[in-house]
N, C-alpha and C. Protein backbone atom coordinates (compact mmCIF):
# COMPACT_ATOMS: atom_id res chain seq x y z
N MET A 1 0.85 -1.16 0.00
CA MET A 1 0.00 0.00 0.00
C MET A 1 0.90 1.23 0.00
N LYS A 2 0.65 2.14 -0.88
CA LYS A 2 1.43 3.38 -0.95
C LYS A 2 0.72 4.46 -0.13
N VAL A 3 1.51 5.19 0.68
CA VAL A 3 1.00 6.28 1.50
C VAL A 3 1.93 7.48 1.29
N LYS A 4 1.32 8.64 1.04
CA LYS A 4 2.11 9.85 0.87
C LYS A 4 2.67 10.29 2.21
N ILE A 5 3.95 10.73 2.20
CA ILE A 5 4.62 11.17 3.42
C ILE A 5 5.43 12.42 3.13
N VAL A 6 5.42 13.35 4.07
CA VAL A 6 6.33 14.49 4.07
C VAL A 6 7.18 14.32 5.32
N ASN A 7 8.49 14.25 5.13
CA ASN A 7 9.41 14.06 6.25
C ASN A 7 10.24 15.33 6.39
N ARG A 8 9.91 16.13 7.38
CA ARG A 8 10.64 17.38 7.64
C ARG A 8 11.67 17.20 8.75
N SER A 9 11.90 15.97 9.15
CA SER A 9 12.89 15.70 10.19
C SER A 9 14.27 15.49 9.57
N ARG A 10 15.26 15.30 10.42
CA ARG A 10 16.62 14.98 9.97
C ARG A 10 16.83 13.48 9.88
N TRP A 11 15.79 12.71 10.14
CA TRP A 11 15.91 11.26 10.28
C TRP A 11 15.25 10.56 9.10
N PRO A 12 15.57 9.27 8.91
CA PRO A 12 14.94 8.52 7.81
C PRO A 12 13.43 8.40 8.01
N ASP A 13 12.72 8.10 6.92
CA ASP A 13 11.28 7.81 7.00
C ASP A 13 11.06 6.65 7.97
N PRO A 14 9.90 6.61 8.62
CA PRO A 14 9.58 5.43 9.45
C PRO A 14 9.70 4.17 8.59
N ALA A 15 10.27 3.13 9.18
CA ALA A 15 10.50 1.89 8.41
C ALA A 15 10.31 0.69 9.32
N TYR A 16 10.02 -0.45 8.71
CA TYR A 16 9.90 -1.72 9.44
C TYR A 16 11.30 -2.23 9.74
N ALA A 17 11.55 -2.65 10.99
CA ALA A 17 12.87 -3.15 11.39
C ALA A 17 13.16 -4.52 10.80
N THR A 18 12.10 -5.35 10.66
CA THR A 18 12.28 -6.69 10.10
C THR A 18 11.16 -6.98 9.10
N GLU A 19 11.30 -8.04 8.37
CA GLU A 19 10.30 -8.43 7.37
C GLU A 19 8.91 -8.64 7.98
N ALA A 20 8.86 -9.16 9.20
CA ALA A 20 7.58 -9.48 9.83
C ALA A 20 7.10 -8.41 10.83
N SER A 21 7.80 -7.30 10.93
CA SER A 21 7.39 -6.24 11.86
C SER A 21 6.03 -5.68 11.48
N ALA A 22 5.19 -5.42 12.48
CA ALA A 22 3.89 -4.79 12.25
C ALA A 22 4.00 -3.28 12.31
N GLY A 23 4.90 -2.77 13.14
CA GLY A 23 5.02 -1.34 13.36
C GLY A 23 6.30 -0.76 12.80
N MET A 24 6.23 0.54 12.49
CA MET A 24 7.39 1.30 12.03
C MET A 24 7.78 2.26 13.15
N ASP A 25 9.08 2.37 13.41
CA ASP A 25 9.53 3.24 14.49
C ASP A 25 9.42 4.71 14.10
N LEU A 26 8.94 5.51 15.06
CA LEU A 26 8.92 6.97 14.94
C LEU A 26 10.04 7.52 15.81
N ARG A 27 10.69 8.58 15.33
CA ARG A 27 11.83 9.17 16.04
C ARG A 27 11.51 10.57 16.54
N ALA A 28 12.14 10.92 17.65
CA ALA A 28 12.00 12.27 18.21
C ALA A 28 12.72 13.25 17.28
N ASP A 29 12.01 14.26 16.80
CA ASP A 29 12.61 15.29 15.95
C ASP A 29 12.77 16.56 16.78
N THR A 30 13.79 16.57 17.61
CA THR A 30 14.05 17.69 18.50
C THR A 30 15.49 18.15 18.30
N GLU A 31 15.75 19.40 18.66
CA GLU A 31 17.11 19.95 18.56
C GLU A 31 17.96 19.54 19.76
N ALA A 32 17.32 19.35 20.90
CA ALA A 32 18.02 19.00 22.14
C ALA A 32 17.23 17.90 22.83
N PRO A 33 17.83 17.23 23.81
CA PRO A 33 17.09 16.21 24.55
C PRO A 33 15.85 16.79 25.22
N VAL A 34 14.81 15.98 25.29
CA VAL A 34 13.61 16.32 26.05
C VAL A 34 13.74 15.54 27.36
N VAL A 35 13.86 16.27 28.47
CA VAL A 35 14.03 15.62 29.77
C VAL A 35 12.68 15.56 30.46
N LEU A 36 12.29 14.34 30.80
CA LEU A 36 11.02 14.10 31.49
C LEU A 36 11.29 13.75 32.95
N ALA A 37 10.76 14.55 33.85
CA ALA A 37 10.83 14.22 35.28
C ALA A 37 9.85 13.07 35.54
N PRO A 38 9.97 12.39 36.68
CA PRO A 38 9.00 11.34 37.00
C PRO A 38 7.56 11.87 36.91
N LEU A 39 6.72 11.12 36.23
CA LEU A 39 5.30 11.41 35.99
C LEU A 39 5.06 12.61 35.07
N GLU A 40 6.09 13.16 34.49
CA GLU A 40 5.93 14.28 33.57
C GLU A 40 5.57 13.78 32.18
N ARG A 41 4.75 14.59 31.47
CA ARG A 41 4.33 14.28 30.11
C ARG A 41 4.93 15.31 29.16
N ALA A 42 5.11 14.89 27.90
CA ALA A 42 5.57 15.81 26.87
C ALA A 42 5.03 15.35 25.52
N LEU A 43 4.71 16.33 24.68
CA LEU A 43 4.29 16.05 23.31
C LEU A 43 5.53 16.21 22.44
N VAL A 44 6.03 15.10 21.91
CA VAL A 44 7.32 15.09 21.21
C VAL A 44 7.08 15.05 19.70
N PRO A 45 7.62 16.04 18.97
CA PRO A 45 7.43 16.08 17.52
C PRO A 45 8.24 14.99 16.81
N THR A 46 7.75 14.58 15.65
CA THR A 46 8.47 13.60 14.83
C THR A 46 8.92 14.16 13.49
N GLY A 47 8.34 15.28 13.07
CA GLY A 47 8.66 15.84 11.75
C GLY A 47 7.99 15.08 10.62
N ILE A 48 7.08 14.17 10.93
CA ILE A 48 6.42 13.31 9.95
C ILE A 48 4.98 13.76 9.74
N PHE A 49 4.58 13.87 8.47
CA PHE A 49 3.21 14.20 8.05
C PHE A 49 2.82 13.12 7.04
N ILE A 50 1.61 12.56 7.17
CA ILE A 50 1.20 11.49 6.26
C ILE A 50 -0.21 11.76 5.73
N GLN A 51 -0.51 11.11 4.60
CA GLN A 51 -1.84 11.17 4.00
C GLN A 51 -2.33 9.75 3.79
N LEU A 52 -3.14 9.28 4.74
CA LEU A 52 -3.67 7.92 4.66
C LEU A 52 -4.91 7.87 3.78
N PRO A 53 -5.16 6.75 3.14
CA PRO A 53 -6.42 6.59 2.41
C PRO A 53 -7.59 6.52 3.39
N VAL A 54 -8.75 6.98 2.97
CA VAL A 54 -9.96 6.85 3.78
C VAL A 54 -10.18 5.37 4.07
N GLY A 55 -10.55 5.08 5.31
CA GLY A 55 -10.75 3.68 5.72
C GLY A 55 -9.55 3.13 6.46
N TYR A 56 -8.50 3.96 6.64
CA TYR A 56 -7.30 3.55 7.36
C TYR A 56 -7.00 4.54 8.48
N GLU A 57 -6.30 4.06 9.49
CA GLU A 57 -5.80 4.91 10.57
C GLU A 57 -4.36 4.51 10.83
N ALA A 58 -3.60 5.41 11.45
CA ALA A 58 -2.27 5.06 11.96
C ALA A 58 -2.40 5.02 13.48
N GLN A 59 -2.02 3.91 14.07
CA GLN A 59 -2.05 3.76 15.52
C GLN A 59 -0.64 4.02 16.06
N ILE A 60 -0.54 4.89 17.06
CA ILE A 60 0.74 5.20 17.67
C ILE A 60 0.81 4.46 19.00
N ARG A 61 1.79 3.58 19.11
CA ARG A 61 1.90 2.68 20.26
C ARG A 61 3.27 2.80 20.91
N PRO A 62 3.39 2.38 22.17
CA PRO A 62 4.69 2.41 22.85
C PRO A 62 5.69 1.46 22.21
N ARG A 63 6.96 1.76 22.39
CA ARG A 63 8.02 0.80 22.08
C ARG A 63 8.27 0.00 23.35
N SER A 64 8.25 -1.30 23.25
CA SER A 64 8.33 -2.14 24.44
C SER A 64 9.64 -1.94 25.21
N GLY A 65 10.75 -1.78 24.52
CA GLY A 65 12.02 -1.58 25.20
C GLY A 65 12.07 -0.29 25.99
N LEU A 66 11.59 0.79 25.41
CA LEU A 66 11.56 2.08 26.09
C LEU A 66 10.66 2.02 27.32
N ALA A 67 9.53 1.35 27.19
CA ALA A 67 8.59 1.24 28.31
C ALA A 67 9.15 0.34 29.41
N THR A 68 9.66 -0.82 29.03
CA THR A 68 10.13 -1.79 30.02
C THR A 68 11.43 -1.37 30.69
N LYS A 69 12.39 -0.93 29.90
CA LYS A 69 13.72 -0.62 30.44
C LYS A 69 13.79 0.74 31.12
N ARG A 70 12.99 1.72 30.63
CA ARG A 70 13.13 3.08 31.15
C ARG A 70 11.84 3.66 31.72
N GLY A 71 10.71 2.97 31.56
CA GLY A 71 9.46 3.46 32.12
C GLY A 71 8.82 4.59 31.33
N VAL A 72 9.23 4.78 30.07
CA VAL A 72 8.67 5.84 29.23
C VAL A 72 7.72 5.19 28.23
N THR A 73 6.48 5.68 28.21
CA THR A 73 5.47 5.07 27.35
C THR A 73 4.58 6.14 26.72
N VAL A 74 3.75 5.71 25.80
CA VAL A 74 2.78 6.60 25.16
C VAL A 74 1.57 6.67 26.07
N ILE A 75 1.19 7.88 26.47
CA ILE A 75 0.14 8.03 27.48
C ILE A 75 -1.26 7.75 26.92
N ASN A 76 -1.52 8.05 25.68
CA ASN A 76 -2.84 7.81 25.09
C ASN A 76 -2.74 6.66 24.11
N THR A 77 -2.42 5.50 24.63
CA THR A 77 -2.12 4.39 23.74
C THR A 77 -3.33 3.52 23.46
N PRO A 78 -3.60 3.11 22.25
CA PRO A 78 -2.89 3.65 21.09
C PRO A 78 -3.48 4.99 20.68
N GLY A 79 -2.62 5.89 20.31
CA GLY A 79 -3.08 7.15 19.72
C GLY A 79 -3.53 6.88 18.29
N THR A 80 -4.48 7.65 17.81
CA THR A 80 -5.01 7.46 16.46
C THR A 80 -4.73 8.66 15.59
N VAL A 81 -4.18 8.41 14.41
CA VAL A 81 -4.03 9.44 13.38
C VAL A 81 -5.08 9.11 12.32
N ASP A 82 -6.06 10.00 12.17
CA ASP A 82 -7.14 9.79 11.22
C ASP A 82 -6.69 10.10 9.79
N ALA A 83 -7.41 9.53 8.83
CA ALA A 83 -7.07 9.69 7.41
C ALA A 83 -7.16 11.14 6.95
N ASP A 84 -7.97 11.96 7.59
CA ASP A 84 -8.11 13.36 7.15
C ASP A 84 -7.19 14.31 7.91
N TYR A 85 -6.35 13.81 8.82
CA TYR A 85 -5.41 14.66 9.56
C TYR A 85 -4.19 14.94 8.70
N ARG A 86 -3.79 16.19 8.61
CA ARG A 86 -2.64 16.57 7.79
C ARG A 86 -1.53 17.24 8.59
N GLY A 87 -1.68 17.31 9.91
CA GLY A 87 -0.66 17.93 10.74
C GLY A 87 0.48 16.96 11.04
N GLU A 88 1.45 17.49 11.76
CA GLU A 88 2.61 16.69 12.16
C GLU A 88 2.19 15.63 13.17
N ILE A 89 2.73 14.44 13.03
CA ILE A 89 2.52 13.40 14.02
C ILE A 89 3.40 13.71 15.21
N LYS A 90 2.77 13.86 16.38
CA LYS A 90 3.48 14.07 17.63
C LYS A 90 3.11 12.96 18.59
N VAL A 91 4.05 12.60 19.44
CA VAL A 91 3.85 11.48 20.35
C VAL A 91 3.76 11.99 21.78
N SER A 92 2.68 11.62 22.46
CA SER A 92 2.47 12.03 23.84
C SER A 92 3.12 11.01 24.76
N LEU A 93 4.30 11.36 25.30
CA LEU A 93 5.06 10.45 26.15
C LEU A 93 4.87 10.82 27.63
N VAL A 94 4.99 9.81 28.49
CA VAL A 94 4.96 10.00 29.93
C VAL A 94 6.08 9.17 30.54
N ASN A 95 6.71 9.73 31.56
CA ASN A 95 7.76 9.03 32.30
C ASN A 95 7.14 8.41 33.55
N LEU A 96 6.98 7.11 33.57
CA LEU A 96 6.41 6.42 34.72
C LEU A 96 7.47 5.89 35.68
N SER A 97 8.74 6.19 35.41
CA SER A 97 9.81 5.74 36.29
C SER A 97 10.00 6.73 37.44
N SER A 98 10.88 6.39 38.36
CA SER A 98 11.16 7.25 39.50
C SER A 98 12.37 8.15 39.25
N GLN A 99 12.90 8.12 38.03
CA GLN A 99 14.09 8.92 37.69
C GLN A 99 13.82 9.74 36.44
N GLU A 100 14.54 10.87 36.30
CA GLU A 100 14.45 11.64 35.06
C GLU A 100 14.86 10.77 33.88
N GLN A 101 14.20 10.99 32.76
CA GLN A 101 14.53 10.27 31.53
C GLN A 101 14.72 11.29 30.41
N ALA A 102 15.83 11.18 29.70
CA ALA A 102 16.11 12.09 28.59
C ALA A 102 15.80 11.39 27.27
N ILE A 103 14.98 12.02 26.47
CA ILE A 103 14.68 11.53 25.12
C ILE A 103 15.61 12.29 24.17
N GLU A 104 16.50 11.57 23.54
CA GLU A 104 17.53 12.19 22.70
C GLU A 104 16.98 12.48 21.29
N PRO A 105 17.51 13.51 20.63
CA PRO A 105 17.13 13.76 19.23
C PRO A 105 17.39 12.50 18.39
N GLY A 106 16.41 12.11 17.59
CA GLY A 106 16.53 10.93 16.74
C GLY A 106 16.24 9.62 17.42
N GLU A 107 15.98 9.64 18.72
CA GLU A 107 15.69 8.40 19.45
C GLU A 107 14.34 7.84 18.99
N ARG A 108 14.26 6.52 18.88
CA ARG A 108 13.01 5.86 18.52
C ARG A 108 12.10 5.88 19.73
N ILE A 109 10.94 6.56 19.60
CA ILE A 109 10.09 6.83 20.76
C ILE A 109 8.75 6.10 20.73
N ALA A 110 8.34 5.62 19.57
CA ALA A 110 7.03 4.96 19.46
C ALA A 110 7.03 4.15 18.18
N GLN A 111 6.01 3.34 18.04
CA GLN A 111 5.82 2.65 16.76
C GLN A 111 4.47 3.00 16.18
N MET A 112 4.43 3.02 14.86
CA MET A 112 3.21 3.38 14.14
C MET A 112 2.76 2.18 13.33
N ILE A 113 1.50 1.82 13.51
CA ILE A 113 0.90 0.72 12.77
C ILE A 113 -0.26 1.28 11.95
N VAL A 114 -0.25 1.01 10.66
CA VAL A 114 -1.34 1.45 9.79
C VAL A 114 -2.34 0.29 9.70
N ALA A 115 -3.61 0.60 9.98
CA ALA A 115 -4.63 -0.45 10.03
C ALA A 115 -5.92 0.02 9.36
N ARG A 116 -6.58 -0.92 8.72
CA ARG A 116 -7.91 -0.66 8.14
C ARG A 116 -8.93 -0.63 9.27
N HIS A 117 -9.94 0.19 9.11
CA HIS A 117 -11.03 0.20 10.09
C HIS A 117 -12.36 0.29 9.35
N GLU A 118 -13.39 -0.10 10.03
CA GLU A 118 -14.74 -0.09 9.46
C GLU A 118 -15.51 1.11 9.96
N LYS A 119 -16.49 1.54 9.18
CA LYS A 119 -17.44 2.57 9.60
C LYS A 119 -18.68 1.86 10.11
N VAL A 120 -19.23 2.37 11.20
CA VAL A 120 -20.41 1.76 11.82
C VAL A 120 -21.66 2.50 11.39
N GLU A 121 -22.68 1.74 11.05
CA GLU A 121 -24.02 2.29 10.83
C GLU A 121 -24.90 1.70 11.91
N TRP A 122 -25.37 2.54 12.82
CA TRP A 122 -26.15 2.06 13.96
C TRP A 122 -27.52 1.55 13.53
N GLU A 123 -27.92 0.46 14.15
CA GLU A 123 -29.26 -0.10 13.96
C GLU A 123 -29.96 -0.06 15.32
N ASP A 124 -30.88 0.85 15.50
CA ASP A 124 -31.60 0.96 16.76
C ASP A 124 -32.53 -0.24 16.95
N VAL A 125 -32.39 -0.90 18.13
CA VAL A 125 -33.23 -2.05 18.48
C VAL A 125 -33.69 -1.88 19.93
N ASP A 126 -34.63 -2.69 20.36
CA ASP A 126 -35.12 -2.63 21.73
C ASP A 126 -34.31 -3.52 22.68
N ALA A 127 -33.65 -4.56 22.16
CA ALA A 127 -32.89 -5.47 23.00
C ALA A 127 -31.75 -6.08 22.18
N LEU A 128 -30.71 -6.55 22.89
CA LEU A 128 -29.56 -7.20 22.25
C LEU A 128 -29.67 -8.70 22.45
N ASP A 129 -29.02 -9.47 21.56
CA ASP A 129 -28.99 -10.93 21.69
C ASP A 129 -28.32 -11.32 23.00
N GLU A 130 -28.80 -12.41 23.61
CA GLU A 130 -28.23 -12.92 24.85
C GLU A 130 -26.93 -13.66 24.55
N THR A 131 -25.98 -13.61 25.50
CA THR A 131 -24.74 -14.38 25.41
C THR A 131 -24.47 -15.03 26.76
N GLU A 132 -23.51 -15.96 26.81
CA GLU A 132 -23.16 -16.60 28.07
C GLU A 132 -22.61 -15.58 29.06
N ARG A 133 -21.84 -14.62 28.58
CA ARG A 133 -21.25 -13.61 29.47
C ARG A 133 -22.28 -12.57 29.93
N GLY A 134 -23.17 -12.22 29.06
CA GLY A 134 -24.18 -11.23 29.41
C GLY A 134 -23.57 -9.87 29.69
N ALA A 135 -23.96 -9.26 30.80
CA ALA A 135 -23.48 -7.93 31.16
C ALA A 135 -22.26 -7.98 32.08
N GLY A 136 -21.66 -9.16 32.26
CA GLY A 136 -20.48 -9.29 33.13
C GLY A 136 -19.33 -8.42 32.64
N GLY A 137 -18.79 -7.62 33.53
CA GLY A 137 -17.72 -6.68 33.17
C GLY A 137 -16.36 -7.16 33.62
N TRP A 138 -15.53 -6.21 34.06
CA TRP A 138 -14.15 -6.48 34.44
C TRP A 138 -14.06 -7.61 35.45
N GLY A 139 -13.26 -8.62 35.11
CA GLY A 139 -13.05 -9.74 36.01
C GLY A 139 -14.13 -10.80 36.01
N SER A 140 -15.18 -10.60 35.24
CA SER A 140 -16.30 -11.53 35.31
C SER A 140 -15.98 -12.89 34.69
N THR A 141 -14.93 -12.98 33.88
CA THR A 141 -14.60 -14.27 33.27
C THR A 141 -13.57 -15.03 34.07
N GLY A 142 -13.15 -14.50 35.23
CA GLY A 142 -12.21 -15.20 36.11
C GLY A 142 -10.79 -14.69 35.96
N ALA A 143 -9.96 -15.15 36.90
CA ALA A 143 -8.57 -14.71 36.93
C ALA A 143 -7.64 -15.67 36.20
N LYS A 144 -8.09 -16.89 35.95
CA LYS A 144 -7.21 -17.89 35.31
C LYS A 144 -7.70 -18.29 33.96
């Protein structure tokens, strides 16, 4: 699938790391490190602008290594980039560790997955079909 991209950063276009990768890494497009204090949030620019076809979205997700090793993750995960959005993709990061974390210029900060989505047409009804689970919510299916 071809997608139009404008890359105003100093870094390469987002790319798949391996043949079977689902996500493409996004990099911080900053002049200096962004230092996040514990529990601090920052909107980090990427310098990337895309034009997705209608019916697709780009999902912005955490990088597992950054989250696990340093406690830095995407706060609104997954973030959604809609097909009609033409602004710069920015990543909302949060530092969940107990120490300051510096995000360096060009550092891989998130992954972007392009996915098809459906449009819903609501059908108003008086009742929904019964299921075994019914209205059971969080934890209703057990812990094991």
